[in-house]
Amino acid sequence: MLVALAANLVIALAKTVGGLIANSPALLSEAAHSVADSLNEVFLLAALRRSRRPADRRHPFGYGKERFFWSLLAAVGIFVMGGCFSFYQGVEALTRDTQESFGGYIAGLVVLGVSLLAEGGSLLRALHQLRRQGVSEGLRDPALRTVVAEDGTAVVGVCLALAGMALHMATGQVVWEASASLAIGALLVYVAYRLGREARDQLIGEAADPEAGGRIRALLRAQPEIDSVEALFTMKTGIDSLLVAARVDLVPGLDSERVEEVAVRIKRSIARTVPEAEQIFLDVTDRLAQENVIDRPAHEARESPAATGERGGA
């Protein structure tokens, strides 16, 4: 990660110097793109370090959601530093009235060519790792998913800048380069939107994927002691951690000892079935006891444990 960050910073510096020398809006937009990518990698490093801290009294569910917070900051950085700056470069190029000069454009094209080789090689490595892990499994890893998205958009951005500069030199029309800047800006805004939306969903509290939720529900329904599953709630508390809470009705006739044994066994079964389920809570009730409470006279119901909220739980 540190090597990738250093490489991105060198590329960003080369694009910035080349863009200033050539006064090229497309190259300056790509420089902003590289700076935004570098910022994203800094945030990713911070997220990886801080999210690994163990749970404590103030944060009993751990610090897994730190990753989503830093991802949100990265999305804001990409939007402002990358997208808005690129839009500004494109609009400014269309409205300025200066004499065309292509001094430094060759050097700029060389910088973009080298950047394309570097970004393309990084993308190929990320895709190779994705294939090794399996596409579906690899895309669940936000770090790998972010790297693939970053490298993919970097390659597209460099290609747009190359095309815009080359067409500008060939035709003398700045509209080509301005259009490339605007396209890079739109690309970065879209990436920022996707990253921000994912981070928002995770920070608010996103449920487990339907497959994991279905496995948990099927496991609960398969237990002979469970009469019905009244409610099942799941929430991702980190990249690979999950909170599970279920409210179930037990079959009649189970004593308190048996209820406790059943609850422990179900928790262990859920943990084996869904390894990321680190926190599991069960709220168990006896439907027959509840029905008896409803059928009894009011003064008897008030004296019963079920009526006062004393329920079997684990």
Protein backbone atom coordinates (compact mmCIF):
# COMPACT_ATOMS: atom_id res chain seq x y z
CA MET A 1 0.00 0.00 0.00
CA LEU A 2 2.83 2.43 0.85
CA VAL A 3 4.57 1.62 -2.44
CA ALA A 4 1.36 2.30 -4.36
CA LEU A 5 0.90 5.59 -2.48
CA ALA A 6 4.47 6.69 -3.26
CA ALA A 7 4.02 5.80 -6.94
CA ASN A 8 0.74 7.73 -7.09
CA LEU A 9 2.36 10.80 -5.55
CA VAL A 10 5.23 10.70 -8.07
CA ILE A 11 2.75 10.37 -10.95
CA ALA A 12 0.64 13.22 -9.55
CA LEU A 13 3.71 15.45 -9.29
CA ALA A 14 4.81 14.62 -12.86
CA LYS A 15 1.30 15.36 -14.20
CA THR A 16 1.13 18.62 -12.29
CA VAL A 17 4.50 19.84 -13.57
CA GLY A 18 3.68 18.74 -17.12
CA GLY A 19 0.23 20.34 -16.97
CA LEU A 20 1.59 23.67 -15.75
CA ILE A 21 4.35 23.73 -18.38
CA ALA A 22 1.94 22.84 -21.21
CA ASN A 23 -0.98 24.78 -19.71
CA SER A 24 -3.06 21.71 -20.56
CA PRO A 25 -6.50 21.45 -18.88
CA ALA A 26 -6.73 17.71 -19.54
CA LEU A 27 -3.32 17.02 -18.00
CA LEU A 28 -4.10 19.23 -14.99
CA SER A 29 -7.39 17.36 -14.56
CA GLU A 30 -5.49 14.09 -14.52
CA ALA A 31 -3.08 15.56 -11.97
CA ALA A 32 -6.09 16.32 -9.75
CA HIS A 33 -7.27 12.76 -10.37
CA SER A 34 -3.94 11.35 -9.15
CA VAL A 35 -3.95 13.62 -6.09
CA ALA A 36 -7.47 12.42 -5.25
CA ASP A 37 -6.35 8.79 -5.63
CA SER A 38 -3.38 9.45 -3.33
CA LEU A 39 -5.69 11.02 -0.76
CA ASN A 40 -7.97 8.00 -1.01
CA GLU A 41 -5.04 5.67 -0.32
CA VAL A 42 -4.04 7.72 2.73
CA PHE A 43 -7.59 7.41 4.06
CA LEU A 44 -7.58 3.68 3.29
CA LEU A 45 -4.36 3.24 5.29
CA ALA A 46 -5.90 5.12 8.21
CA ALA A 47 -9.04 3.01 7.97
CA LEU A 48 -7.11 -0.27 7.96
CA ARG A 49 -5.08 0.75 11.00
CA ARG A 50 -7.91 2.22 13.09
CA SER A 51 -10.58 -0.37 12.29
CA ARG A 52 -8.44 -3.20 13.69
CA ARG A 53 -8.56 -1.86 17.24
CA PRO A 54 -10.28 -4.25 19.67
CA ALA A 55 -13.63 -3.47 21.27
CA ASP A 56 -13.61 -1.48 24.50
CA ARG A 57 -16.13 -0.09 26.99
CA ARG A 58 -16.98 2.93 24.86
CA HIS A 59 -17.24 0.92 21.67
CA PRO A 60 -18.45 -2.57 22.66
CA PHE A 61 -18.99 -3.58 19.04
CA GLY A 62 -15.49 -2.62 18.00
CA TYR A 63 -14.16 -0.08 15.53
CA GLY A 64 -15.03 -1.85 12.27
CA LYS A 65 -17.14 1.07 11.04
CA GLU A 66 -14.06 3.31 11.04
CA ARG A 67 -13.46 2.03 7.52
CA PHE A 68 -16.76 3.39 6.32
CA PHE A 69 -16.10 6.79 7.90
CA TRP A 70 -12.74 7.15 6.13
CA SER A 71 -14.31 5.93 2.89
CA LEU A 72 -16.84 8.75 3.18
CA LEU A 73 -14.02 11.28 3.65
CA ALA A 74 -12.27 9.83 0.59
CA ALA A 75 -15.46 10.23 -1.46
CA VAL A 76 -15.70 13.90 -0.45
CA GLY A 77 -12.03 14.41 -1.35
CA ILE A 78 -12.45 12.81 -4.78
CA PHE A 79 -15.54 14.92 -5.46
CA VAL A 80 -13.96 18.24 -4.47
CA MET A 81 -10.30 17.78 -5.45
CA GLY A 82 -10.91 15.65 -8.51
CA GLY A 83 -14.37 16.18 -9.94
CA CYS A 84 -14.94 19.88 -9.25
CA PHE A 85 -11.39 20.86 -10.27
CA SER A 86 -11.69 18.93 -13.55
CA PHE A 87 -15.02 20.61 -14.32
CA TYR A 88 -13.41 23.97 -13.63
CA GLN A 89 -10.54 23.18 -16.02
CA GLY A 90 -12.94 22.15 -18.77
CA VAL A 91 -15.16 25.22 -18.46
CA GLU A 92 -12.19 27.56 -18.17
CA ALA A 93 -10.64 26.07 -21.33
CA LEU A 94 -13.85 26.64 -23.26
CA THR A 95 -14.25 30.26 -22.16
CA ARG A 96 -10.67 31.53 -22.30
CA ASP A 97 -9.59 33.55 -25.33
CA THR A 98 -5.84 33.02 -25.66
CA GLN A 99 -3.52 32.18 -28.53
CA GLU A 100 -3.02 28.46 -29.00
CA SER A 101 0.38 27.20 -27.93
CA PHE A 102 1.50 23.57 -27.82
CA GLY A 103 4.78 24.08 -26.05
CA GLY A 104 5.34 21.27 -23.60
CA TYR A 105 2.57 19.07 -25.05
CA ILE A 106 5.02 16.39 -26.18
CA ALA A 107 6.40 16.14 -22.66
CA GLY A 108 2.84 16.00 -21.36
CA LEU A 109 1.95 13.16 -23.70
CA VAL A 110 5.06 11.27 -22.56
CA VAL A 111 4.01 11.71 -18.93
CA LEU A 112 0.54 10.38 -19.73
CA GLY A 113 2.04 7.46 -21.63
CA VAL A 114 4.20 6.47 -18.67
CA SER A 115 1.20 6.92 -16.37
CA LEU A 116 -0.89 4.65 -18.59
CA LEU A 117 1.72 1.89 -18.35
CA ALA A 118 1.93 2.25 -14.55
CA GLU A 119 -1.84 2.41 -13.99
CA GLY A 120 -2.46 -0.41 -16.48
CA GLY A 121 0.09 -2.65 -14.73
CA SER A 122 -1.52 -1.92 -11.36
CA LEU A 123 -4.97 -2.72 -12.77
CA LEU A 124 -3.75 -6.03 -14.21
CA ARG A 125 -2.28 -7.00 -10.81
CA ALA A 126 -5.55 -6.13 -9.07
CA LEU A 127 -7.58 -8.12 -11.60
CA HIS A 128 -5.22 -11.08 -11.20
CA GLN A 129 -5.72 -10.98 -7.43
CA LEU A 130 -9.47 -10.71 -7.96
CA ARG A 131 -9.45 -13.84 -10.12
CA ARG A 132 -7.34 -15.70 -7.54
CA GLN A 133 -9.81 -14.91 -4.76
CA GLY A 134 -12.82 -15.53 -6.96
CA VAL A 135 -14.76 -12.62 -8.45
CA SER A 136 -17.76 -12.83 -6.10
CA GLU A 137 -15.60 -13.29 -3.00
CA GLY A 138 -13.05 -10.67 -4.01
CA LEU A 139 -15.67 -8.00 -4.65
CA ARG A 140 -16.83 -8.37 -1.04
CA ASP A 141 -13.44 -7.08 0.09
CA PRO A 142 -13.83 -3.26 0.02
CA ALA A 143 -10.06 -2.71 -0.07
CA LEU A 144 -9.64 -4.84 -3.21
CA ARG A 145 -12.83 -3.43 -4.70
CA THR A 146 -11.55 0.11 -4.14
CA VAL A 147 -8.17 -0.70 -5.72
CA VAL A 148 -9.83 -2.19 -8.82
CA ALA A 149 -12.17 0.82 -9.11
CA GLU A 150 -9.31 3.30 -8.62
CA ASP A 151 -7.02 1.64 -11.16
CA GLY A 152 -9.85 1.22 -13.66
CA THR A 153 -10.91 4.86 -13.48
CA ALA A 154 -7.24 5.94 -13.59
CA VAL A 155 -6.73 4.06 -16.87
CA VAL A 156 -9.92 5.54 -18.33
CA GLY A 157 -8.92 9.03 -17.18
CA VAL A 158 -5.44 8.82 -18.72
CA CYS A 159 -6.92 7.58 -22.01
CA LEU A 160 -9.37 10.50 -22.06
CA ALA A 161 -6.57 12.99 -21.39
CA LEU A 162 -4.35 11.44 -24.09
CA ALA A 163 -7.17 11.56 -26.63
CA GLY A 164 -8.07 15.15 -25.73
CA MET A 165 -4.50 16.43 -25.97
CA ALA A 166 -3.79 14.56 -29.20
CA LEU A 167 -6.98 15.80 -30.89
CA HIS A 168 -6.28 19.34 -29.67
CA MET A 169 -2.84 19.22 -31.26
CA ALA A 170 -4.18 17.68 -34.48
CA THR A 171 -7.14 20.01 -35.01
CA GLY A 172 -6.17 23.13 -33.09
CA GLN A 173 -9.57 23.00 -31.40
CA VAL A 174 -9.41 23.30 -27.62
CA VAL A 175 -12.93 21.89 -27.35
CA TRP A 176 -11.45 18.36 -27.53
CA GLU A 177 -9.25 18.90 -24.50
CA ALA A 178 -11.98 20.75 -22.62
CA SER A 179 -14.35 17.87 -23.30
CA ALA A 180 -11.76 15.44 -21.96
CA SER A 181 -11.51 17.48 -18.74
CA LEU A 182 -15.28 17.52 -18.37
CA ALA A 183 -15.44 13.77 -18.98
CA ILE A 184 -12.75 13.16 -16.34
CA GLY A 185 -14.71 15.35 -13.94
CA ALA A 186 -17.92 13.40 -14.60
CA LEU A 187 -16.03 10.13 -14.07
CA LEU A 188 -14.64 11.28 -10.71
CA VAL A 189 -18.01 12.61 -9.55
CA TYR A 190 -19.56 9.23 -10.34
CA VAL A 191 -16.82 7.39 -8.43
CA ALA A 192 -17.24 9.77 -5.47
CA TYR A 193 -21.01 9.22 -5.53
CA ARG A 194 -20.65 5.44 -5.49
CA LEU A 195 -18.08 5.48 -2.69
CA GLY A 196 -20.13 7.96 -0.66
CA ARG A 197 -23.35 6.00 -1.09
CA GLU A 198 -21.73 2.75 0.03
CA ALA A 199 -20.14 4.45 3.04
CA ARG A 200 -23.45 6.09 3.98
CA ASP A 201 -25.31 2.78 3.85
CA GLN A 202 -22.71 1.13 6.07
CA LEU A 203 -22.60 3.98 8.57
CA ILE A 204 -26.38 4.07 8.89
CA GLY A 205 -26.43 0.33 9.47
CA GLU A 206 -26.73 -2.09 6.55
CA ALA A 207 -28.15 -5.58 6.91
CA ALA A 208 -26.16 -8.69 6.03
CA ASP A 209 -26.34 -9.82 2.43
CA PRO A 210 -29.51 -11.82 1.62
CA GLU A 211 -27.58 -15.09 1.34
CA ALA A 212 -26.21 -14.87 4.90
CA GLY A 213 -29.57 -13.73 6.25
CA GLY A 214 -31.29 -16.63 4.50
CA ARG A 215 -28.82 -19.14 5.98
CA ILE A 216 -29.45 -17.83 9.49
CA ARG A 217 -33.23 -17.89 9.08
CA ALA A 218 -33.15 -21.42 7.64
CA LEU A 219 -30.98 -22.60 10.55
CA LEU A 220 -33.39 -21.14 13.10
CA ARG A 221 -36.42 -22.68 11.43
CA ALA A 222 -34.70 -26.07 11.36
CA GLN A 223 -34.35 -26.20 15.16
CA PRO A 224 -36.94 -28.61 16.64
CA GLU A 225 -37.36 -26.45 19.76
CA ILE A 226 -38.29 -23.31 17.77
CA ASP A 227 -41.98 -22.97 16.94
CA SER A 228 -41.60 -19.82 14.82
CA VAL A 229 -39.12 -17.08 13.96
CA GLU A 230 -40.87 -13.84 14.78
CA ALA A 231 -38.10 -11.45 13.73
CA LEU A 232 -34.52 -11.54 12.49
CA PHE A 233 -32.28 -8.48 12.44
CA THR A 234 -28.72 -8.26 11.13
CA MET A 235 -26.30 -5.35 10.84
CA LYS A 236 -22.76 -5.11 9.53
CA THR A 237 -20.51 -3.72 12.25
CA GLY A 238 -17.37 -3.91 10.10
CA ILE A 239 -15.95 -5.39 6.92
CA ASP A 240 -16.02 -8.94 8.25
CA SER A 241 -18.13 -8.62 11.40
CA LEU A 242 -21.87 -8.93 11.83
CA LEU A 243 -24.44 -8.44 14.58
CA VAL A 244 -27.36 -10.88 14.64
CA ALA A 245 -30.50 -10.46 16.78
CA ALA A 246 -33.46 -12.84 16.56
CA ARG A 247 -36.80 -13.11 18.35
CA VAL A 248 -38.16 -16.66 18.34
CA ASP A 249 -41.09 -18.53 19.88
CA LEU A 250 -40.24 -21.88 21.46
CA VAL A 251 -42.43 -24.93 21.53
CA PRO A 252 -44.38 -25.34 24.81
CA GLY A 253 -43.06 -27.37 27.71
CA LEU A 254 -39.40 -26.35 27.90
CA ASP A 255 -38.04 -25.57 31.33
CA SER A 256 -35.53 -22.76 31.95
CA GLU A 257 -32.53 -25.10 31.90
CA ARG A 258 -33.55 -26.52 28.55
CA VAL A 259 -34.14 -23.02 27.16
CA GLU A 260 -30.60 -22.02 28.11
CA GLU A 261 -29.12 -25.13 26.48
CA VAL A 262 -31.10 -24.51 23.30
CA ALA A 263 -30.00 -20.86 23.16
CA VAL A 264 -26.31 -21.75 23.55
CA ARG A 265 -26.55 -24.44 20.89
CA ILE A 266 -28.30 -22.11 18.43
CA LYS A 267 -25.71 -19.37 18.96
CA ARG A 268 -22.88 -21.80 18.26
CA SER A 269 -24.66 -23.09 15.16
CA ILE A 270 -25.10 -19.56 13.81
CA ALA A 271 -21.43 -18.77 14.49
CA ARG A 272 -20.37 -21.89 12.56
CA THR A 273 -22.76 -21.19 9.68
CA VAL A 274 -21.91 -17.48 9.39
CA PRO A 275 -18.36 -16.96 10.75
CA GLU A 276 -18.59 -13.17 10.53
CA ALA A 277 -21.45 -13.19 13.10
CA GLU A 278 -19.41 -11.97 16.09
CA GLN A 279 -22.35 -10.71 18.18
CA ILE A 280 -25.44 -12.93 18.48
CA PHE A 281 -28.50 -12.11 20.59
CA LEU A 282 -31.57 -14.31 21.02
CA ASP A 283 -34.90 -13.24 22.51
CA VAL A 284 -36.84 -16.44 23.23
CA THR A 285 -40.46 -16.66 24.35
CA ASP A 286 -42.95 -19.42 25.11
CA ARG A 287 -46.03 -18.85 22.99
CA LEU A 288 -48.24 -21.07 25.17
CA ALA A 289 -47.26 -19.08 28.26
CA GLN A 290 -48.18 -15.87 26.51
CA GLU A 291 -51.55 -17.26 25.45
CA ASN A 292 -52.23 -18.40 29.02
CA VAL A 293 -51.47 -14.92 30.29
CA ILE A 294 -53.96 -13.44 27.84
CA ASP A 295 -56.65 -15.95 28.87
CA ARG A 296 -56.20 -15.45 32.64
CA PRO A 297 -58.01 -12.85 34.72
CA ALA A 298 -56.26 -9.50 34.93
CA HIS A 299 -55.05 -9.88 38.56
CA GLU A 300 -53.45 -13.28 37.76
CA ALA A 301 -51.81 -11.96 34.63
CA ARG A 302 -50.22 -9.11 36.57
CA GLU A 303 -48.65 -11.60 38.96
CA SER A 304 -47.18 -13.82 36.25
CA PRO A 305 -43.48 -13.48 35.20
CA ALA A 306 -44.38 -13.18 31.51
CA ALA A 307 -46.66 -10.25 32.20
CA THR A 308 -43.89 -8.34 33.98
CA GLY A 309 -41.49 -8.77 31.12
CA GLU A 310 -39.40 -11.61 32.54
CA ARG A 311 -38.73 -13.60 29.42
CA GLY A 312 -36.32 -16.34 28.65
CA GLY A 313 -33.47 -14.86 26.71
CA ALA A 314 -29.84 -15.28 25.82
